[in-house]
């Protein structure tokens, strides 16, 4: 059964701030590690740079979203972490398939790029929802297909994921243009768009989550 309205508990109120903040800091830190410490930027070393992004972001996302998992009485934190880890490769396959359908180049020379980009996208889109919802297909449909958001947890899942997807779509626009710039290659500009959209989604979800929590609390008072 789909979840009822998510009444703000102390844990969820903390999570509404903790989740977007920790995920945003993790991604920003991954960018700094890749570019400043290791000298791997997206244009010069796309495979290594994106590999750092998902390797840092993935564990933080799983730990952060496990704090706001549904059904905390029956689902332990370790179980939520386990299903988050399990969803990582599954989400990568889904994102890789979607990228290829929408025109990502095929061939062995692009295989590593597509693999790492798909793992990065999985950490931003599929892994958070799998950590929180598990196999609750009705909740997945409600949040991502019907966009029926019942509270701060839904905002924390839906807005960053859609931000990353829409950002990737906008980021792909320069690829076919005849500018002959290195950042136009797959998946460099797509990843730039993904990062920008994800940061925007995180910010929006944090604001919307806090406002919805106060609105629900005000109705109860």
Protein backbone atom coordinates (compact mmCIF):
# COMPACT_ATOMS: atom_id res chain seq x y z
CA UNK A 1 0.00 0.00 0.00
CA UNK A 2 1.31 3.48 -0.82
CA UNK A 3 2.44 5.56 2.11
CA UNK A 4 0.06 7.94 3.83
CA UNK A 5 0.99 11.59 4.30
CA UNK A 6 4.46 11.63 5.80
CA UNK A 7 3.99 13.27 9.17
CA UNK A 8 7.20 15.00 10.26
CA UNK A 9 8.98 13.14 13.04
CA UNK A 10 12.16 14.32 14.72
CA UNK A 11 14.10 11.94 12.46
CA UNK A 12 12.46 13.16 9.25
CA UNK A 13 12.82 16.83 10.24
CA UNK A 14 16.52 16.26 10.78
CA UNK A 15 16.72 14.33 7.54
CA UNK A 16 15.14 17.14 5.52
CA UNK A 17 18.22 19.23 6.31
CA UNK A 18 20.79 16.47 6.69
CA UNK A 19 20.11 14.64 3.41
CA UNK A 20 20.43 17.48 0.85
CA UNK A 21 23.26 19.09 2.81
CA UNK A 22 25.33 15.91 3.11
CA UNK A 23 24.72 14.89 -0.51
CA UNK A 24 25.61 18.36 -1.78
CA UNK A 25 28.80 18.48 0.31
CA UNK A 26 29.77 15.00 -0.87
CA UNK A 27 29.44 15.89 -4.55
CA UNK A 28 31.27 19.18 -4.09
CA UNK A 29 34.04 17.37 -2.21
CA UNK A 30 34.29 14.74 -4.96
CA UNK A 31 34.75 17.49 -7.54
CA UNK A 32 37.47 19.10 -5.44
CA UNK A 33 39.25 15.78 -4.90
CA UNK A 34 39.17 14.99 -8.60
CA UNK A 35 40.18 18.37 -9.96
CA UNK A 36 42.31 19.97 -7.23
CA UNK A 37 44.02 17.00 -5.57
CA UNK A 38 44.29 14.50 -8.43
CA UNK A 39 44.23 16.84 -11.41
CA UNK A 40 41.45 14.92 -13.17
CA UNK A 41 38.85 17.24 -14.67
CA UNK A 42 35.97 16.10 -16.84
CA UNK A 43 37.47 17.42 -20.06
CA UNK A 44 40.93 15.87 -19.74
CA UNK A 45 40.19 12.66 -17.78
CA UNK A 46 36.42 12.00 -17.99
CA UNK A 47 36.53 8.34 -16.95
CA UNK A 48 38.70 8.94 -13.88
CA UNK A 49 36.83 12.11 -12.90
CA UNK A 50 33.38 10.53 -13.12
CA UNK A 51 34.71 7.46 -11.31
CA UNK A 52 35.68 9.67 -8.37
CA UNK A 53 32.23 11.29 -8.43
CA UNK A 54 30.23 8.09 -8.04
CA UNK A 55 32.76 6.44 -5.69
CA UNK A 56 32.40 9.35 -3.24
CA UNK A 57 28.75 10.21 -3.85
CA UNK A 58 27.34 6.69 -3.76
CA UNK A 59 28.20 5.70 -0.18
CA UNK A 60 27.18 9.11 1.18
CA UNK A 61 23.83 8.95 -0.61
CA UNK A 62 23.10 5.48 0.77
CA UNK A 63 24.02 6.44 4.34
CA UNK A 64 22.11 9.73 4.18
CA UNK A 65 18.89 8.32 2.73
CA UNK A 66 18.94 5.31 5.05
CA UNK A 67 18.20 7.80 7.85
CA UNK A 68 14.86 8.74 6.29
CA UNK A 69 13.80 5.24 5.16
CA UNK A 70 10.14 4.36 5.38
CA UNK A 71 8.83 1.86 7.93
CA UNK A 72 11.66 2.33 10.41
CA UNK A 73 9.96 -0.11 12.79
CA UNK A 74 10.25 -3.01 10.36
CA UNK A 75 13.20 -1.92 8.21
CA UNK A 76 16.58 -1.62 9.92
CA UNK A 77 19.20 0.85 8.78
CA UNK A 78 21.46 -1.99 7.64
CA UNK A 79 18.67 -3.45 5.51
CA UNK A 80 18.12 -0.06 3.88
CA UNK A 81 21.86 0.23 3.22
CA UNK A 82 21.89 -3.27 1.72
CA UNK A 83 19.09 -2.56 -0.75
CA UNK A 84 20.79 0.71 -1.65
CA UNK A 85 23.98 -1.17 -2.52
CA UNK A 86 22.03 -3.78 -4.47
CA UNK A 87 20.30 -1.08 -6.52
CA UNK A 88 23.59 0.52 -7.59
CA UNK A 89 24.36 -1.82 -10.55
CA UNK A 90 20.67 -2.21 -11.38
CA UNK A 91 20.26 1.54 -11.64
CA UNK A 92 23.41 1.76 -13.74
CA UNK A 93 21.96 -0.71 -16.24
CA UNK A 94 18.73 1.28 -16.45
CA UNK A 95 20.60 4.56 -16.98
CA UNK A 96 22.96 3.04 -19.54
CA UNK A 97 20.01 1.66 -21.50
CA UNK A 98 18.27 5.04 -21.39
CA UNK A 99 21.42 6.85 -22.52
CA UNK A 100 21.89 4.51 -25.48
CA UNK A 101 18.23 4.84 -26.47
CA UNK A 102 18.60 8.63 -26.49
CA UNK A 103 21.71 8.54 -28.63
CA UNK A 104 24.77 7.84 -26.50
CA UNK A 105 27.55 6.53 -28.76
CA UNK A 106 28.25 2.81 -28.89
CA UNK A 107 31.63 1.13 -29.22
CA UNK A 108 34.42 -0.16 -27.02
CA UNK A 109 36.07 3.27 -26.87
CA UNK A 110 32.97 4.64 -25.13
CA UNK A 111 32.23 1.64 -22.90
CA UNK A 112 34.17 2.88 -19.85
CA UNK A 113 32.68 6.36 -20.17
CA UNK A 114 29.14 5.01 -20.35
CA UNK A 115 29.76 2.63 -17.44
CA UNK A 116 31.05 5.30 -15.06
CA UNK A 117 28.43 7.85 -16.11
CA UNK A 118 25.68 5.27 -15.56
CA UNK A 119 27.00 4.45 -12.08
CA UNK A 120 27.10 8.16 -11.27
CA UNK A 121 23.53 8.64 -12.50
CA UNK A 122 22.43 5.60 -10.53
CA UNK A 123 23.78 7.17 -7.33
CA UNK A 124 21.66 10.27 -7.97
CA UNK A 125 18.42 8.71 -9.21
CA UNK A 126 17.78 5.03 -8.42
CA UNK A 127 19.87 4.44 -5.30
CA UNK A 128 18.15 7.05 -3.07
CA UNK A 129 14.66 5.72 -3.83
CA UNK A 130 15.73 2.09 -3.42
CA UNK A 131 17.28 2.92 -0.05
CA UNK A 132 14.11 4.62 1.17
CA UNK A 133 11.32 2.63 -0.53
CA UNK A 134 12.89 -0.73 -1.23
CA UNK A 135 10.54 -2.80 -3.40
CA UNK A 136 7.44 -0.71 -2.67
CA UNK A 137 6.46 -0.31 -6.31
CA UNK A 138 3.40 1.79 -5.47
CA UNK A 139 5.60 4.40 -3.80
CA UNK A 140 7.97 4.40 -6.78
CA UNK A 141 5.04 5.00 -9.14
CA UNK A 142 3.47 7.63 -6.91
CA UNK A 143 6.66 9.70 -6.64
CA UNK A 144 8.27 9.29 -10.07
CA UNK A 145 5.39 8.51 -12.44
CA UNK A 146 2.46 10.39 -10.92
CA UNK A 147 4.53 13.06 -9.09
CA UNK A 148 2.21 12.83 -6.10
CA UNK A 149 4.48 14.06 -3.33
CA UNK A 150 3.15 13.60 0.20
CA UNK A 151 5.93 15.12 2.28
CA UNK A 152 9.55 16.06 2.71
CA UNK A 153 10.88 12.55 2.06
CA UNK A 154 9.21 12.49 -1.35
CA UNK A 155 10.67 15.89 -2.21
CA UNK A 156 14.13 14.67 -1.18
CA UNK A 157 13.79 11.76 -3.62
CA UNK A 158 11.95 13.28 -6.57
CA UNK A 159 13.44 16.74 -7.07
CA UNK A 160 17.17 15.84 -7.07
CA UNK A 161 16.54 12.83 -9.32
CA UNK A 162 14.53 14.81 -11.84
CA UNK A 163 17.03 17.65 -11.56
CA UNK A 164 19.85 15.29 -12.53
CA UNK A 165 17.86 13.79 -15.42
CA UNK A 166 16.69 17.13 -16.82
CA UNK A 167 20.17 18.59 -16.36
CA UNK A 168 21.66 15.65 -18.29
CA UNK A 169 19.14 16.23 -21.08
CA UNK A 170 20.00 19.92 -21.34
CA UNK A 171 23.69 19.08 -21.07
CA UNK A 172 23.44 16.83 -24.12
CA UNK A 173 22.32 19.65 -26.41
CA UNK A 174 25.82 20.89 -27.38
CA UNK A 175 27.05 17.40 -28.33
CA UNK A 176 25.93 17.40 -31.99
CA UNK A 177 26.95 21.03 -32.63
CA UNK A 178 29.96 21.61 -34.87
CA UNK A 179 32.04 23.54 -32.34
CA UNK A 180 34.81 20.95 -32.07
CA UNK A 181 35.30 21.54 -28.35
CA UNK A 182 36.67 18.73 -26.16
CA UNK A 183 33.89 19.18 -23.60
CA UNK A 184 31.29 18.31 -26.25
CA UNK A 185 32.33 14.66 -26.22
CA UNK A 186 30.24 12.02 -24.51
CA UNK A 187 29.54 12.22 -21.56
CA UNK A 188 31.40 15.39 -20.54
CA UNK A 189 28.80 18.08 -21.21
CA UNK A 190 26.05 15.68 -20.11
CA UNK A 191 27.80 15.25 -16.75
CA UNK A 192 28.15 19.02 -16.32
CA UNK A 193 24.41 19.35 -16.89
CA UNK A 194 23.72 16.47 -14.50
CA UNK A 195 25.72 18.10 -11.72
CA UNK A 196 24.07 21.49 -12.20
CA UNK A 197 20.57 20.01 -12.28
CA UNK A 198 21.25 17.84 -9.26
CA UNK A 199 22.50 20.75 -7.16
CA UNK A 200 19.41 22.74 -8.13
CA UNK A 201 17.18 19.79 -7.24
CA UNK A 202 18.87 19.34 -3.88
CA UNK A 203 18.41 23.00 -3.01
CA UNK A 204 14.77 23.01 -4.08
CA UNK A 205 14.01 19.76 -2.26
CA UNK A 206 15.49 21.08 0.98
CA UNK A 207 13.38 24.24 0.83
CA UNK A 208 10.22 22.41 -0.23
CA UNK A 209 10.72 19.71 2.39
CA UNK A 210 11.09 22.15 5.27
CA UNK A 211 8.08 24.19 4.12
CA UNK A 212 5.90 21.08 3.77
CA UNK A 213 6.99 19.89 7.22
CA UNK A 214 5.95 23.20 8.76
CA UNK A 215 2.64 23.16 6.86
CA UNK A 216 1.76 19.66 8.08
CA UNK A 217 2.80 20.55 11.64
CA UNK A 218 0.65 23.70 11.47
CA UNK A 219 -2.40 21.70 10.37
CA UNK A 220 -1.93 19.30 13.27
CA UNK A 221 -1.72 22.21 15.72
